[in-house]
C-alpha cells in the first residue's frame, strides 16, 4: 500500500476561508517527538535499499494488508487500521529550533534554518495558544496544557525551541506548563510553575484559599503587579483551588493496570495525563518528548540501540494505550492524535558511530481519530526514503489539517498585541487524509 491514491477532493462544507467549519475533532493530543525520529527505522522502511541505508531493523506486517512498519512497533502493528501514516512530510530546514517552530505553530520561524534564535514575542502562537484564543475554556481548566517541559536542546545555542508559547498573541495565551516526572510516586502538579511552597495541599479547600488571600491580599497583588508572578501563575493559583481541576490532574485515580499499559515512564504517564485532561475539557495537550539526558530522538550516534531500547518501546506502548482507551470511551472519533517530530534522519548511516544525521527533506508522521482516514498511508518516498516521489506535504500543512479538523480555518486572521493582522497558519489542509 503506497498511498491513499485518492483524487483530490474538496470538502463541500469548507466554505469561505474564514467561514465556520464543522468540528470533527473536539480536542487534540499532540505527541511531539522532539529530536527527529528516523523515517527509515519507523514507518517508511526500505528493506531493498543497500545496507548502509536500510539499517538493521526489519519491517513487519500490520493490521492493514500491505502496510509494513518497523518490527519494534509491536503494539502499533496491531492498530494500524486506526491510523494514517504520512510518509512525505518535507521541508528544507535542518535546524531543531526553527523547524520545531514550524511543526508546533504551522508557520515558519522568524529566523529560518537557525538553532541560534531562542523564543521571542515575534514567534507564531503554538496551536494550543490559538485554541486558547479561539476556543477558550469556560470551566476553570486551561484550553492548552504542555508537559513535561518546554522542548529544549542543549546543543542548540538558542536552547529552548521557539513557538511553544503565545507568541504574537501575548503571554496570556501561553497555556499551562505541567512539569516534572509524572512517573515519580511523589509527583504532584505543583501549580504550573508557581513557587515551590505553594502546593496543592495548601490549596485543598476554597476556604483555605480565601484565608490565604484575605491575609495576604495586599502583598499578593503587590507581587503580581511587580511582575514577579506572571499572569499564568496567577491563573494557576486560581485554577488549582478548584476540586474539579485537582481531580483532572490526579493520576492516582487511574488503576495500576492502566498506568502499566501506558508505561511506567515519563512519556507513558504524560500521555495518560493527556487523556485525562482532554476527558475533562482541555482542548489541546502537547506531550513533548522528555529530557532523557541523551538528546531525545536526535540519534546522531548509536541510532539503532537507542531506538530499539529507549525510544520506540515507550512511544509504542503509550500511543497504543491512548488509541485503545479513547476508542473504548467513544472518544476516538472526535479526538485527534498527532505523532510527529520536527524532521527525519539522513538515509546514509554514519559508519563511524551507527548514527543518522538531520534530514528534513522527507520524513514520517501519524494522524489518528478526529475524522482522519483509517488504515491508510499518504504519500510515497523514493527508494531510499530521501525525498517524496508523490504528494509532498509540509509541517505547515500538517498543522493546517489539525486546525481544519478542529473547525478552524487555517486562513483565519487574528490581531497581535499591536492590532496587526496575522494569518494563523501558512499551510493548507491535507484533504486526502480526511475521512469521507
Protein backbone atom coordinates (compact mmCIF):
# COMPACT_ATOMS: atom_id res chain seq x y z
CA UNK A 1 0.00 0.00 0.00
CA UNK A 2 1.91 3.00 -1.26
CA UNK A 3 -0.52 5.81 -0.68
CA UNK A 4 -4.12 6.79 -0.33
CA UNK A 5 -4.19 7.32 -4.08
CA UNK A 6 -7.36 9.37 -3.74
CA UNK A 7 -8.49 12.06 -6.13
CA UNK A 8 -8.04 15.49 -4.59
CA UNK A 9 -11.49 16.11 -3.26
CA UNK A 10 -12.59 19.44 -1.85
CA UNK A 11 -14.72 19.17 1.25
CA UNK A 12 -18.05 20.71 0.22
CA UNK A 13 -18.60 22.17 3.67
CA UNK A 14 -15.35 24.12 3.68
CA UNK A 15 -16.97 27.33 2.51
CA UNK A 16 -15.15 30.64 2.68
CA UNK A 17 -11.65 30.78 4.22
CA UNK A 18 -12.87 32.42 7.38
CA UNK A 19 -16.28 30.77 7.44
CA UNK A 20 -17.49 28.35 10.04
CA UNK A 21 -16.14 24.81 9.64
CA UNK A 22 -17.61 21.63 11.05
CA UNK A 23 -15.82 20.43 14.16
CA UNK A 24 -14.66 16.86 13.52
CA UNK A 25 -12.22 16.92 16.43
CA UNK A 26 -13.26 18.49 19.72
CA UNK A 27 -9.82 18.02 21.20
CA UNK A 28 -6.26 17.18 20.20
CA UNK A 29 -3.37 15.31 21.80
CA UNK A 30 -0.13 16.35 20.11
CA UNK A 31 2.74 13.92 20.74
CA UNK A 32 5.85 15.87 19.76
CA UNK A 33 8.76 13.51 19.14
CA UNK A 34 11.41 16.13 19.80
CA UNK A 35 14.72 15.45 18.09
CA UNK A 36 13.54 13.96 14.81
CA UNK A 37 12.65 10.24 14.51
CA UNK A 38 14.19 8.32 11.64
CA UNK A 39 11.62 7.62 8.95
CA UNK A 40 13.62 4.63 7.69
CA UNK A 41 13.59 2.99 11.10
CA UNK A 42 9.95 3.62 11.98
CA UNK A 43 7.22 3.99 9.34
CA UNK A 44 8.93 4.18 5.92
CA UNK A 45 11.35 1.29 5.84
CA UNK A 46 13.35 0.45 2.74
CA UNK A 47 14.23 -3.25 3.01
CA UNK A 48 15.52 -3.37 -0.59
CA UNK A 49 17.93 -0.45 -0.16
CA UNK A 50 21.67 -1.02 0.40
CA UNK A 51 22.68 -1.99 3.94
CA UNK A 52 24.22 1.43 4.62
CA UNK A 53 20.75 2.92 4.09
CA UNK A 54 18.22 0.34 5.23
CA UNK A 55 19.90 -0.33 8.58
CA UNK A 56 19.44 -3.34 10.82
CA UNK A 57 15.70 -3.22 11.52
CA UNK A 58 13.21 -5.31 9.59
CA UNK A 59 9.66 -4.44 8.53
CA UNK A 60 6.72 -6.43 9.85
CA UNK A 61 3.16 -6.81 8.53
CA UNK A 62 0.39 -4.94 10.26
CA UNK A 63 -3.37 -4.98 10.68
CA UNK A 64 -3.64 -3.35 7.24
CA UNK A 65 -2.69 -5.65 4.34
CA UNK A 66 0.35 -4.31 2.51
CA UNK A 67 1.25 -1.81 5.24
CA UNK A 68 4.56 -2.53 6.97
CA UNK A 69 6.27 -0.72 9.82
CA UNK A 70 9.34 -1.30 11.98
CA UNK A 71 9.49 -4.60 13.86
CA UNK A 72 9.91 -2.78 17.19
CA UNK A 73 6.47 -1.15 16.96
CA UNK A 74 4.94 -4.44 18.06
CA UNK A 75 1.81 -2.92 19.58
CA UNK A 76 1.12 -0.34 16.87
CA UNK A 77 1.37 -3.02 14.19
CA UNK A 78 -1.92 -4.39 15.52
CA UNK A 79 -3.65 -0.98 15.43
CA UNK A 80 -2.64 0.45 12.06
CA UNK A 81 -6.26 0.12 10.92
CA UNK A 82 -6.99 3.10 13.19
CA UNK A 83 -4.32 5.50 11.86
CA UNK A 84 -2.99 7.30 8.80
CA UNK A 85 0.76 7.34 8.24
CA UNK A 86 2.09 10.32 6.31
CA UNK A 87 5.34 9.37 4.60
CA UNK A 88 6.09 12.57 2.70
CA UNK A 89 6.37 15.35 5.24
CA UNK A 90 9.13 17.56 3.89
CA UNK A 91 10.82 20.94 4.26
CA UNK A 92 14.33 22.33 3.90
CA UNK A 93 15.20 23.43 7.45
CA UNK A 94 17.73 21.14 9.20
CA UNK A 95 17.77 23.12 12.47
CA UNK A 96 15.91 21.79 15.51
CA UNK A 97 14.69 25.12 16.83
CA UNK A 98 13.32 26.79 13.73
CA UNK A 99 11.81 23.57 12.34
CA UNK A 100 10.27 22.90 15.76
CA UNK A 101 8.56 26.27 15.47
CA UNK A 102 7.05 25.32 12.10
CA UNK A 103 5.84 21.99 13.48
CA UNK A 104 4.15 23.40 16.59
CA UNK A 105 2.70 26.57 15.07
CA UNK A 106 2.04 25.89 11.39
CA UNK A 107 4.19 28.85 10.39
CA UNK A 108 7.86 29.35 9.55
CA UNK A 109 10.03 30.65 12.37
CA UNK A 110 11.03 34.33 12.44
CA UNK A 111 14.64 33.19 11.90
CA UNK A 112 14.86 30.29 9.45
CA UNK A 113 17.39 27.44 9.49
CA UNK A 114 18.60 28.51 12.90
CA UNK A 115 19.45 26.81 16.16
CA UNK A 116 20.63 30.20 17.48
CA UNK A 117 17.33 32.08 17.81
CA UNK A 118 15.52 31.49 21.12
CA UNK A 119 11.81 32.13 21.69
CA UNK A 120 10.63 35.68 21.10
CA UNK A 121 7.41 37.72 21.02
CA UNK A 122 7.66 37.53 17.22
CA UNK A 123 7.03 33.79 17.26
CA UNK A 124 3.76 32.47 15.93
CA UNK A 125 1.45 31.12 18.63
CA UNK A 126 1.52 27.41 19.43
CA UNK A 127 -1.52 25.54 18.08
CA UNK A 128 -2.68 25.27 21.68
CA UNK A 129 -2.40 29.02 22.08
CA UNK A 130 -4.60 29.52 19.02
CA UNK A 131 -7.19 27.27 20.62
CA UNK A 132 -6.92 29.25 23.85
CA UNK A 133 -7.84 32.32 21.82
CA UNK A 134 -10.46 30.78 19.55
CA UNK A 135 -11.89 28.03 21.80
CA UNK A 136 -11.47 29.41 25.33
CA UNK A 137 -12.32 27.11 28.20
CA UNK A 138 -15.21 28.13 30.41
CA UNK A 139 -14.97 25.57 33.19
CA UNK A 140 -11.81 26.53 35.06
CA UNK A 141 -9.42 24.30 33.14
CA UNK A 142 -6.89 25.74 30.69
CA UNK A 143 -7.51 25.24 26.98
CA UNK A 144 -3.87 24.33 26.39
CA UNK A 145 -1.51 22.27 28.54
CA UNK A 146 2.07 21.29 27.67
CA UNK A 147 4.21 18.74 29.51
CA UNK A 148 6.64 17.70 30.93
CA UNK A 149 8.82 20.64 29.83
CA UNK A 150 9.37 23.19 27.09
CA UNK A 151 11.34 21.35 24.40
CA UNK A 152 14.97 22.40 24.81
CA UNK A 153 18.17 21.24 23.11
CA UNK A 154 21.46 21.67 24.98
CA UNK A 155 23.47 21.52 21.75
CA UNK A 156 21.49 24.38 20.22
CA UNK A 157 22.81 27.86 21.12
CA UNK A 158 19.23 29.14 21.27
CA UNK A 159 18.29 26.46 23.80
CA UNK A 160 14.51 26.36 24.00
CA UNK A 161 12.61 25.86 20.75
CA UNK A 162 10.54 28.88 19.69
CA UNK A 163 6.83 28.53 19.04
CA UNK A 164 5.89 26.95 22.36
CA UNK A 165 4.01 29.91 23.82
CA UNK A 166 1.52 32.64 22.97
CA UNK A 167 3.90 34.38 20.58
CA UNK A 168 2.44 37.49 18.99
CA UNK A 169 -0.88 36.83 20.76
CA UNK A 170 0.83 37.57 24.06
CA UNK A 171 1.82 35.56 27.16
CA UNK A 172 -1.75 35.21 28.44
CA UNK A 173 -2.28 32.63 25.68
CA UNK A 174 0.78 30.54 26.51
CA UNK A 175 -1.18 27.80 28.25
CA UNK A 176 -0.23 25.82 31.34
CA UNK A 177 3.10 24.01 31.67
CA UNK A 178 2.94 20.79 33.67
CA UNK A 179 6.49 19.95 34.71
CA UNK A 180 8.41 17.10 36.28
CA UNK A 181 8.49 13.31 36.21
CA UNK A 182 4.86 12.23 36.23
CA UNK A 183 6.02 8.67 36.84
CA UNK A 184 7.58 9.55 40.19
CA UNK A 185 5.44 8.29 43.09
CA UNK A 186 5.60 11.66 44.83
CA UNK A 187 4.81 13.76 41.75
CA UNK A 188 2.15 16.43 42.12
CA UNK A 189 1.23 19.23 39.72
CA UNK A 190 2.76 21.97 41.81
CA UNK A 191 0.78 24.83 40.41
CA UNK A 192 2.16 25.06 36.88
CA UNK A 193 5.40 26.71 37.94
CA UNK A 194 4.00 28.52 40.95
CA UNK A 195 6.52 28.99 43.76
CA UNK A 196 7.52 25.62 45.22
CA UNK A 197 5.99 26.37 48.60
CA UNK A 198 2.53 26.78 47.02
CA UNK A 199 1.47 23.13 46.84
CA UNK A 200 -1.89 21.54 46.13
CA UNK A 201 -2.18 20.57 49.79
CA UNK A 202 -2.14 24.23 50.75
CA UNK A 203 -4.91 24.89 48.24
CA UNK A 204 -7.03 21.90 49.18
CA UNK A 205 -10.15 23.85 50.05
CA UNK A 206 -11.59 27.10 48.81
CA UNK A 207 -11.98 28.28 52.38
CA UNK A 208 -8.28 27.86 52.99
CA UNK A 209 -7.54 29.66 49.74
CA UNK A 210 -9.78 32.55 50.80
CA UNK A 211 -7.99 32.76 54.14
CA UNK A 212 -4.68 32.94 52.32
CA UNK A 213 -5.98 35.65 50.01
CA UNK A 214 -7.59 37.60 52.82
CA UNK A 215 -4.47 37.53 54.96
CA UNK A 216 -2.07 38.18 52.11
CA UNK A 217 -4.25 40.04 49.63
CA UNK A 218 -2.27 43.25 49.54
CA UNK A 219 1.11 41.55 49.35
CA UNK A 220 -0.14 39.08 46.72
CA UNK A 221 -1.35 41.89 44.48
CA UNK A 222 1.85 43.83 45.02
CA UNK A 223 3.85 40.79 43.94
CA UNK A 224 1.58 40.22 40.95
CA UNK A 225 1.76 43.86 39.87
CA UNK A 226 5.52 43.88 40.22
CA UNK A 227 5.79 41.19 37.56
CA UNK A 228 7.35 38.60 39.86
CA UNK A 229 4.29 36.41 39.21
CA UNK A 230 3.15 36.10 35.62
CA UNK A 231 -0.48 36.11 34.55
CA UNK A 232 -0.17 32.38 34.00
CA UNK A 233 0.99 31.88 37.59
CA UNK A 234 -1.89 33.94 38.93
CA UNK A 235 -4.32 31.91 36.80
CA UNK A 236 -2.70 28.71 38.01
CA UNK A 237 -3.09 29.84 41.63
CA UNK A 238 -6.80 30.28 41.00
CA UNK A 239 -7.26 27.11 38.93
CA UNK A 240 -5.72 24.78 41.45
CA UNK A 241 -8.18 25.85 44.12
CA UNK A 242 -10.88 24.00 42.13
CA UNK A 243 -11.71 20.43 43.15
CA UNK A 244 -12.62 19.64 39.52
CA UNK A 245 -9.22 20.80 38.32
CA UNK A 246 -7.48 18.91 41.09
CA UNK A 247 -9.33 15.74 40.08
CA UNK A 248 -8.36 16.13 36.41
CA UNK A 249 -4.67 16.20 37.33
CA UNK A 250 -4.82 13.28 39.76
CA UNK A 251 -3.16 10.26 38.16
CA UNK A 252 -3.76 8.20 41.29
CA UNK A 253 -7.37 7.80 40.15
CA UNK A 254 -6.13 5.57 37.33
CA UNK A 255 -5.79 1.84 38.03
CA UNK A 256 -2.36 0.26 38.30
CA UNK A 257 -3.21 -1.81 35.22
CA UNK A 258 -3.96 1.29 33.17
CA UNK A 259 -0.81 3.02 34.29
CA UNK A 260 1.19 -0.07 33.39
CA UNK A 261 -0.34 -0.18 29.89
CA UNK A 262 0.74 3.38 29.17
CA UNK A 263 4.18 2.64 30.56
CA UNK A 264 5.70 3.39 33.93
CA UNK A 265 7.94 6.08 32.49
CA UNK A 266 7.74 9.83 31.96
CA UNK A 267 6.33 9.65 28.45
CA UNK A 268 3.76 6.99 29.22
CA UNK A 269 2.41 8.81 32.25
CA UNK A 270 2.34 12.11 30.36
CA UNK A 271 0.23 10.53 27.62
CA UNK A 272 -2.09 9.07 30.25
CA UNK A 273 -2.37 12.50 31.83
CA UNK A 274 -3.14 13.94 28.39
CA UNK A 275 -6.04 11.51 28.06
CA UNK A 276 -7.36 12.55 31.47
CA UNK A 277 -7.10 16.23 30.61
CA UNK A 278 -8.95 16.04 27.30
CA UNK A 279 -11.65 13.99 29.06
CA UNK A 280 -12.07 16.88 31.47
CA UNK A 281 -12.31 19.52 28.73
CA UNK A 282 -8.79 20.66 27.81
CA UNK A 283 -8.73 21.41 24.06
CA UNK A 284 -5.10 20.61 23.26
CA UNK A 285 -2.41 18.80 25.22
CA UNK A 286 1.13 18.81 23.87
CA UNK A 287 3.32 15.99 25.19
CA UNK A 288 6.89 16.95 24.33
CA UNK A 289 9.37 14.08 24.38
CA UNK A 290 11.07 14.50 27.72
CA UNK A 291 14.65 15.28 28.65
CA UNK A 292 16.15 11.80 28.70
CA UNK A 293 19.71 13.08 29.03
CA UNK A 294 20.62 11.56 25.66
CA UNK A 295 19.38 14.11 23.12
CA UNK A 296 15.89 12.65 22.70
CA UNK A 297 15.15 11.32 19.14
CA UNK A 298 18.23 13.16 17.84
CA UNK A 299 20.13 9.95 17.14
CA UNK A 300 23.38 11.21 15.58
CA UNK A 301 25.07 8.18 17.11
CA UNK A 302 24.01 4.73 18.29
CA UNK A 303 20.78 5.16 16.35
CA UNK A 304 19.62 1.55 16.36
CA UNK A 305 20.30 0.73 20.01
CA UNK A 306 18.70 3.97 21.13
CA UNK A 307 15.61 3.31 19.05
CA UNK A 308 15.03 -0.31 19.98
CA UNK A 309 15.96 0.01 23.67
CA UNK A 310 14.99 3.51 24.77
CA UNK A 311 12.76 5.34 22.30
CA UNK A 312 10.41 3.09 20.37
CA UNK A 313 9.14 0.85 23.22
CA UNK A 314 7.72 3.64 25.41
CA UNK A 315 6.42 5.57 22.38
CA UNK A 316 4.74 2.42 21.03
CA UNK A 317 3.12 1.49 24.32
CA UNK A 318 1.80 4.96 25.11
CA UNK A 319 0.40 5.65 21.64
CA UNK A 320 -1.40 2.31 21.51
CA UNK A 321 -2.81 2.60 25.01
CA UNK A 322 -4.11 6.04 24.09
CA UNK A 323 -5.77 4.83 20.89
CA UNK A 324 -7.38 1.89 22.68
CA UNK A 325 -8.57 3.96 25.64
CA UNK A 326 -10.08 6.71 23.51
CA UNK A 327 -11.81 4.12 21.36
CA UNK A 328 -13.18 2.30 24.41
CA UNK A 329 -14.54 5.58 25.76
CA UNK A 330 -16.18 6.50 22.47
CA UNK A 331 -13.82 9.48 22.13
CA UNK A 332 -11.51 8.48 19.28
CA UNK A 333 -13.83 9.76 16.56
CA UNK A 334 -13.75 13.29 17.94
CA UNK A 335 -10.24 13.34 19.44
CA UNK A 336 -7.33 14.00 17.09
CA UNK A 337 -3.99 12.33 17.81
CA UNK A 338 -0.87 13.77 16.18
CA UNK A 339 2.51 11.97 16.41
CA UNK A 340 5.39 13.73 14.69
CA UNK A 341 8.89 15.18 15.05
CA UNK A 342 10.42 18.29 13.53
CA UNK A 343 12.25 16.36 10.78
CA UNK A 344 13.65 12.93 9.92
CA UNK A 345 17.09 11.36 9.59
CA UNK A 346 19.54 11.10 6.72
CA UNK A 347 19.26 7.84 4.76
CA UNK A 348 23.01 7.22 4.80
CA UNK A 349 24.11 5.75 8.11
CA UNK A 350 27.24 7.29 9.64
CA UNK A 351 29.58 4.31 9.62
CA UNK A 352 31.80 5.53 12.47
CA UNK A 353 29.05 5.62 15.10
CA UNK A 354 25.94 3.98 13.58
CA UNK A 355 24.07 7.28 13.65
CA UNK A 356 21.88 9.21 11.27
CA UNK A 357 22.15 12.97 10.75
CA UNK A 358 19.37 15.55 10.42
CA UNK A 359 17.19 15.19 7.31
CA UNK A 360 14.18 17.49 6.77
CA UNK A 361 13.64 16.59 3.12
CA UNK A 362 11.40 13.57 3.77
CA UNK A 363 10.05 12.09 7.00
CA UNK A 364 7.00 10.44 8.53
CA UNK A 365 4.24 11.33 10.96
CA UNK A 366 0.92 9.93 12.13
CA UNK A 367 -2.60 11.28 12.43
CA UNK A 368 -5.46 9.34 14.00
CA UNK A 369 -9.01 9.90 15.23
CA UNK A 370 -10.83 13.18 14.83
CA UNK A 371 -12.23 12.41 11.39
CA UNK A 372 -8.94 11.19 9.89
CA UNK A 373 -8.95 8.26 7.44
CA UNK A 374 -8.20 4.87 8.97
CA UNK A 375 -5.72 2.26 7.86
CA UNK A 376 -4.10 4.49 5.25
CA UNK A 377 -0.74 5.70 4.03
CA UNK A 378 -0.41 9.11 2.48
CA UNK A 379 2.40 9.83 0.05
CA UNK A 380 5.31 7.85 -1.27
CA UNK A 381 9.02 8.48 -0.85
CA UNK A 382 11.79 7.49 -3.25
CA UNK A 383 13.64 4.20 -2.98
CA UNK A 384 15.96 5.49 -0.25
CA UNK A 385 13.41 7.45 1.78
CA UNK A 386 15.29 10.63 0.95
CA UNK A 387 12.71 12.69 -0.95
CA UNK A 388 8.98 12.47 -1.68
CA UNK A 389 8.13 10.93 -5.01
CA UNK A 390 4.39 11.53 -4.62
CA UNK A 391 2.31 14.03 -2.64
CA UNK A 392 4.82 16.05 -0.58
CA UNK A 393 3.34 17.99 2.32
CA UNK A 394 4.84 20.44 4.78
CA UNK A 395 4.68 20.66 8.56
CA UNK A 396 2.52 23.72 7.97
CA UNK A 397 0.06 21.54 6.04
CA UNK A 398 0.10 19.03 8.89
CA UNK A 399 -0.79 21.80 11.35
CA UNK A 400 -3.43 23.19 8.99
CA UNK A 401 -5.07 19.76 8.91
CA UNK A 402 -5.26 19.74 12.70
CA UNK A 403 -6.87 23.17 12.76
CA UNK A 404 -9.29 22.26 9.97
CA UNK A 405 -10.45 19.15 11.82
CA UNK A 406 -11.00 21.26 14.92
CA UNK A 407 -13.27 23.59 12.97
CA UNK A 408 -10.79 26.41 12.47
CA UNK A 409 -9.84 27.69 9.03
CA UNK A 410 -6.04 27.96 8.65
CA UNK A 411 -6.70 31.12 6.63
CA UNK A 412 -8.33 32.88 9.55
CA UNK A 413 -6.58 36.04 10.73
CA UNK A 414 -6.04 37.31 14.25
CA UNK A 415 -4.70 40.59 15.54
CA UNK A 416 -1.49 40.72 17.53
CA UNK A 417 -0.95 42.96 20.55
CA UNK A 418 -0.35 45.92 18.24
CA UNK A 419 -3.51 45.25 16.23
CA UNK A 420 -1.65 43.92 13.21
CA UNK A 421 -3.39 41.07 11.37
CA UNK A 422 -1.71 37.68 11.01
CA UNK A 423 -2.89 34.60 9.17
CA UNK A 424 -2.89 31.90 11.82
CA UNK A 425 -1.35 29.15 9.66
CA UNK A 426 0.53 29.22 6.35
CA UNK A 427 -0.33 25.63 5.40
CA UNK A 428 -3.25 24.02 3.62
CA UNK A 429 -5.27 21.09 4.97
CA UNK A 430 -4.36 17.69 3.54
CA UNK A 431 -7.86 16.81 2.39
CA UNK A 432 -6.87 13.34 1.20
CA UNK A 433 -6.24 12.16 4.77
CA UNK A 434 -9.68 13.24 5.94
CA UNK A 435 -12.29 10.52 6.11
CA UNK A 436 -15.21 10.95 3.73
